[in-house]
Amino acid sequence: MKQNNGDLDNFIAGIFDGLQSANSMAKIHPMFNAKGLEEISPNRSFVENDIQVVEIMAKKLPQDTDEKISYKIAIETVNI
């Protein structure tokens, strides 16, 4: 595994940041106004507060040197 791929906890922190909408003072790139990108808009919030997250499963997998760094997330609603 390459040593410069980043820490798993930093990737997880970035996911938590992405679950909430961007700060209202942030400048949003115009590309997010394009039709079809509404679901990934920085103005969209998936959770009001990350305190609502009840479970995290994360795994850092080995990568080939020419492989692009990526990750997948799944969001599920849990009725408590």
N, C-alpha and C. Protein backbone atom coordinates (compact mmCIF):
# COMPACT_ATOMS: atom_id res chain seq x y z
N MET A 1 0.85 -1.18 0.00
CA MET A 1 0.00 0.00 0.00
C MET A 1 0.89 1.24 0.00
N LYS A 2 0.57 2.19 -0.86
CA LYS A 2 1.34 3.43 -0.89
C LYS A 2 1.15 4.16 0.43
N GLN A 3 2.20 4.75 0.95
CA GLN A 3 2.15 5.43 2.25
C GLN A 3 1.53 6.82 2.17
N ASN A 4 1.41 7.41 0.98
CA ASN A 4 0.90 8.77 0.87
C ASN A 4 -0.56 8.85 0.43
N ASN A 5 -1.31 7.79 0.65
CA ASN A 5 -2.72 7.78 0.25
C ASN A 5 -3.64 8.49 1.23
N GLY A 6 -3.13 8.96 2.33
CA GLY A 6 -3.96 9.65 3.31
C GLY A 6 -4.42 8.71 4.41
N ASP A 7 -4.74 9.30 5.52
CA ASP A 7 -5.20 8.55 6.67
C ASP A 7 -6.67 8.23 6.54
N LEU A 8 -7.05 7.06 6.99
CA LEU A 8 -8.45 6.65 6.93
C LEU A 8 -9.34 7.61 7.71
N ASP A 9 -8.87 8.08 8.88
CA ASP A 9 -9.70 9.00 9.66
C ASP A 9 -9.93 10.32 8.94
N ASN A 10 -8.97 10.76 8.11
CA ASN A 10 -9.19 11.99 7.33
C ASN A 10 -10.23 11.78 6.24
N PHE A 11 -10.20 10.61 5.61
CA PHE A 11 -11.23 10.30 4.62
C PHE A 11 -12.62 10.29 5.28
N ILE A 12 -12.72 9.68 6.44
CA ILE A 12 -14.01 9.61 7.15
C ILE A 12 -14.47 11.01 7.54
N ALA A 13 -13.56 11.86 8.03
CA ALA A 13 -13.92 13.23 8.39
C ALA A 13 -14.46 13.97 7.17
N GLY A 14 -13.85 13.75 6.01
CA GLY A 14 -14.33 14.38 4.78
C GLY A 14 -15.72 13.92 4.40
N ILE A 15 -16.02 12.67 4.63
CA ILE A 15 -17.36 12.15 4.36
C ILE A 15 -18.38 12.84 5.26
N PHE A 16 -18.04 12.98 6.55
CA PHE A 16 -18.95 13.66 7.47
C PHE A 16 -19.18 15.10 7.02
N ASP A 17 -18.14 15.78 6.58
CA ASP A 17 -18.29 17.15 6.09
C ASP A 17 -19.22 17.17 4.88
N GLY A 18 -19.09 16.18 4.01
CA GLY A 18 -19.90 16.13 2.80
C GLY A 18 -21.36 15.78 3.04
N LEU A 19 -21.67 15.18 4.18
CA LEU A 19 -23.07 14.85 4.48
C LEU A 19 -23.89 16.09 4.81
N GLN A 20 -23.22 17.13 5.26
CA GLN A 20 -23.91 18.36 5.62
C GLN A 20 -23.74 19.36 4.49
N SER A 21 -24.66 20.29 4.38
CA SER A 21 -24.57 21.28 3.31
C SER A 21 -23.41 22.24 3.59
N ALA A 22 -22.97 22.89 2.53
CA ALA A 22 -21.89 23.86 2.63
C ALA A 22 -22.34 25.06 3.47
N ASN A 23 -21.38 25.73 4.04
CA ASN A 23 -21.65 26.96 4.77
C ASN A 23 -22.36 27.94 3.84
N SER A 24 -23.36 28.64 4.34
CA SER A 24 -24.14 29.56 3.50
C SER A 24 -23.29 30.69 2.93
N MET A 25 -22.13 30.95 3.51
CA MET A 25 -21.23 32.01 3.02
C MET A 25 -20.26 31.48 1.95
N ALA A 26 -20.23 30.17 1.73
CA ALA A 26 -19.29 29.58 0.77
C ALA A 26 -19.69 29.90 -0.66
N LYS A 27 -18.70 30.14 -1.50
CA LYS A 27 -18.95 30.32 -2.93
C LYS A 27 -19.02 28.94 -3.56
N ILE A 28 -20.12 28.66 -4.22
CA ILE A 28 -20.33 27.36 -4.86
C ILE A 28 -19.98 27.48 -6.34
N HIS A 29 -19.19 26.55 -6.84
CA HIS A 29 -18.79 26.56 -8.24
C HIS A 29 -20.03 26.48 -9.13
N PRO A 30 -20.11 27.28 -10.20
CA PRO A 30 -21.28 27.28 -11.08
C PRO A 30 -21.61 25.92 -11.70
N MET A 31 -20.64 25.01 -11.78
CA MET A 31 -20.93 23.71 -12.38
C MET A 31 -22.04 22.96 -11.63
N PHE A 32 -22.22 23.27 -10.35
CA PHE A 32 -23.26 22.59 -9.58
C PHE A 32 -24.66 23.07 -9.92
N ASN A 33 -24.77 24.10 -10.77
CA ASN A 33 -26.08 24.55 -11.24
C ASN A 33 -26.54 23.75 -12.46
N ALA A 34 -25.67 22.89 -12.99
CA ALA A 34 -26.00 22.12 -14.18
C ALA A 34 -27.11 21.11 -13.89
N LYS A 35 -27.97 20.93 -14.86
CA LYS A 35 -29.07 19.97 -14.73
C LYS A 35 -28.48 18.57 -14.51
N GLY A 36 -29.04 17.85 -13.55
CA GLY A 36 -28.59 16.50 -13.26
C GLY A 36 -27.62 16.41 -12.09
N LEU A 37 -27.13 17.55 -11.61
CA LEU A 37 -26.20 17.53 -10.49
C LEU A 37 -26.85 17.92 -9.17
N GLU A 38 -28.17 18.04 -9.16
CA GLU A 38 -28.88 18.45 -7.95
C GLU A 38 -28.60 17.53 -6.77
N GLU A 39 -28.46 16.24 -7.03
CA GLU A 39 -28.26 15.28 -5.94
C GLU A 39 -26.90 15.41 -5.26
N ILE A 40 -25.93 16.02 -5.93
CA ILE A 40 -24.62 16.17 -5.32
C ILE A 40 -24.29 17.63 -5.04
N SER A 41 -25.27 18.48 -5.07
CA SER A 41 -25.05 19.90 -4.82
C SER A 41 -24.52 20.14 -3.41
N PRO A 42 -23.53 21.02 -3.26
CA PRO A 42 -23.05 21.38 -1.93
C PRO A 42 -24.13 22.06 -1.08
N ASN A 43 -25.19 22.52 -1.73
CA ASN A 43 -26.30 23.14 -0.99
C ASN A 43 -27.24 22.11 -0.38
N ARG A 44 -27.08 20.86 -0.80
CA ARG A 44 -27.95 19.79 -0.30
C ARG A 44 -27.35 19.19 0.97
N SER A 45 -28.20 18.94 1.94
CA SER A 45 -27.77 18.32 3.18
C SER A 45 -28.38 16.93 3.27
N PHE A 46 -27.53 15.93 3.52
CA PHE A 46 -28.02 14.56 3.68
C PHE A 46 -28.43 14.31 5.13
N VAL A 47 -27.79 15.00 6.05
CA VAL A 47 -28.15 14.94 7.47
C VAL A 47 -28.08 16.35 8.03
N GLU A 48 -28.94 16.65 9.00
CA GLU A 48 -28.90 17.98 9.62
C GLU A 48 -27.65 18.13 10.48
N ASN A 49 -27.28 17.07 11.16
CA ASN A 49 -26.14 17.10 12.06
C ASN A 49 -25.54 15.71 12.06
N ASP A 50 -24.21 15.62 12.00
CA ASP A 50 -23.59 14.29 11.94
C ASP A 50 -23.74 13.50 13.24
N ILE A 51 -24.34 14.10 14.25
CA ILE A 51 -24.66 13.33 15.46
C ILE A 51 -25.71 12.26 15.14
N GLN A 52 -26.41 12.41 14.02
CA GLN A 52 -27.42 11.44 13.59
C GLN A 52 -26.80 10.15 13.07
N VAL A 53 -25.51 10.17 12.75
CA VAL A 53 -24.84 8.97 12.24
C VAL A 53 -24.66 7.99 13.39
N VAL A 54 -25.12 6.76 13.20
CA VAL A 54 -25.07 5.77 14.27
C VAL A 54 -24.08 4.63 14.01
N GLU A 55 -23.56 4.53 12.79
CA GLU A 55 -22.62 3.46 12.49
C GLU A 55 -21.72 3.86 11.33
N ILE A 56 -20.46 3.49 11.45
CA ILE A 56 -19.49 3.72 10.38
C ILE A 56 -18.73 2.42 10.18
N MET A 57 -18.62 2.01 8.94
CA MET A 57 -17.75 0.89 8.60
C MET A 57 -16.78 1.40 7.55
N ALA A 58 -15.51 1.29 7.81
CA ALA A 58 -14.52 1.80 6.88
C ALA A 58 -13.36 0.82 6.75
N LYS A 59 -12.81 0.77 5.54
CA LYS A 59 -11.69 -0.12 5.29
C LYS A 59 -10.80 0.53 4.25
N LYS A 60 -9.53 0.61 4.51
CA LYS A 60 -8.57 1.12 3.54
C LYS A 60 -7.95 -0.07 2.83
N LEU A 61 -8.12 -0.11 1.53
CA LEU A 61 -7.64 -1.24 0.74
C LEU A 61 -6.37 -0.88 -0.01
N PRO A 62 -5.52 -1.86 -0.26
CA PRO A 62 -4.29 -1.61 -1.02
C PRO A 62 -4.63 -1.11 -2.42
N GLN A 63 -3.76 -0.25 -2.95
CA GLN A 63 -3.95 0.28 -4.29
C GLN A 63 -2.70 0.04 -5.12
N ASP A 64 -2.91 -0.13 -6.41
CA ASP A 64 -1.77 -0.13 -7.32
C ASP A 64 -1.29 1.31 -7.46
N THR A 65 -0.07 1.51 -7.83
CA THR A 65 0.49 2.86 -7.92
C THR A 65 -0.21 3.72 -8.96
N ASP A 66 -0.79 3.13 -9.99
CA ASP A 66 -1.45 3.93 -11.03
C ASP A 66 -2.96 4.04 -10.84
N GLU A 67 -3.47 3.50 -9.76
CA GLU A 67 -4.90 3.51 -9.50
C GLU A 67 -5.33 4.82 -8.85
N LYS A 68 -6.45 5.36 -9.30
CA LYS A 68 -6.98 6.60 -8.75
C LYS A 68 -7.57 6.33 -7.36
N ILE A 69 -7.32 7.23 -6.42
CA ILE A 69 -7.87 7.10 -5.08
C ILE A 69 -9.38 7.38 -5.13
N SER A 70 -10.16 6.51 -4.55
CA SER A 70 -11.61 6.70 -4.53
C SER A 70 -12.20 5.97 -3.34
N TYR A 71 -13.46 6.30 -3.04
CA TYR A 71 -14.17 5.58 -2.00
C TYR A 71 -15.65 5.58 -2.32
N LYS A 72 -16.36 4.66 -1.72
CA LYS A 72 -17.80 4.53 -1.92
C LYS A 72 -18.46 4.71 -0.56
N ILE A 73 -19.63 5.33 -0.55
CA ILE A 73 -20.40 5.43 0.69
C ILE A 73 -21.83 4.98 0.44
N ALA A 74 -22.46 4.47 1.46
CA ALA A 74 -23.87 4.11 1.41
C ALA A 74 -24.53 4.77 2.61
N ILE A 75 -25.66 5.40 2.37
CA ILE A 75 -26.40 6.07 3.45
C ILE A 75 -27.73 5.35 3.60
N GLU A 76 -28.03 4.92 4.79
CA GLU A 76 -29.28 4.22 5.06
C GLU A 76 -30.00 4.91 6.20
N THR A 77 -31.30 4.97 6.12
CA THR A 77 -32.11 5.51 7.19
C THR A 77 -32.39 4.40 8.19
N VAL A 78 -32.23 4.71 9.45
CA VAL A 78 -32.50 3.75 10.51
C VAL A 78 -33.60 4.34 11.40
N ASN A 79 -34.66 3.58 11.57
CA ASN A 79 -35.74 4.03 12.46
C ASN A 79 -35.46 3.54 13.87
N ILE A 80 -35.19 4.48 14.74
CA ILE A 80 -34.88 4.13 16.14
C ILE A 80 -36.04 4.50 17.02
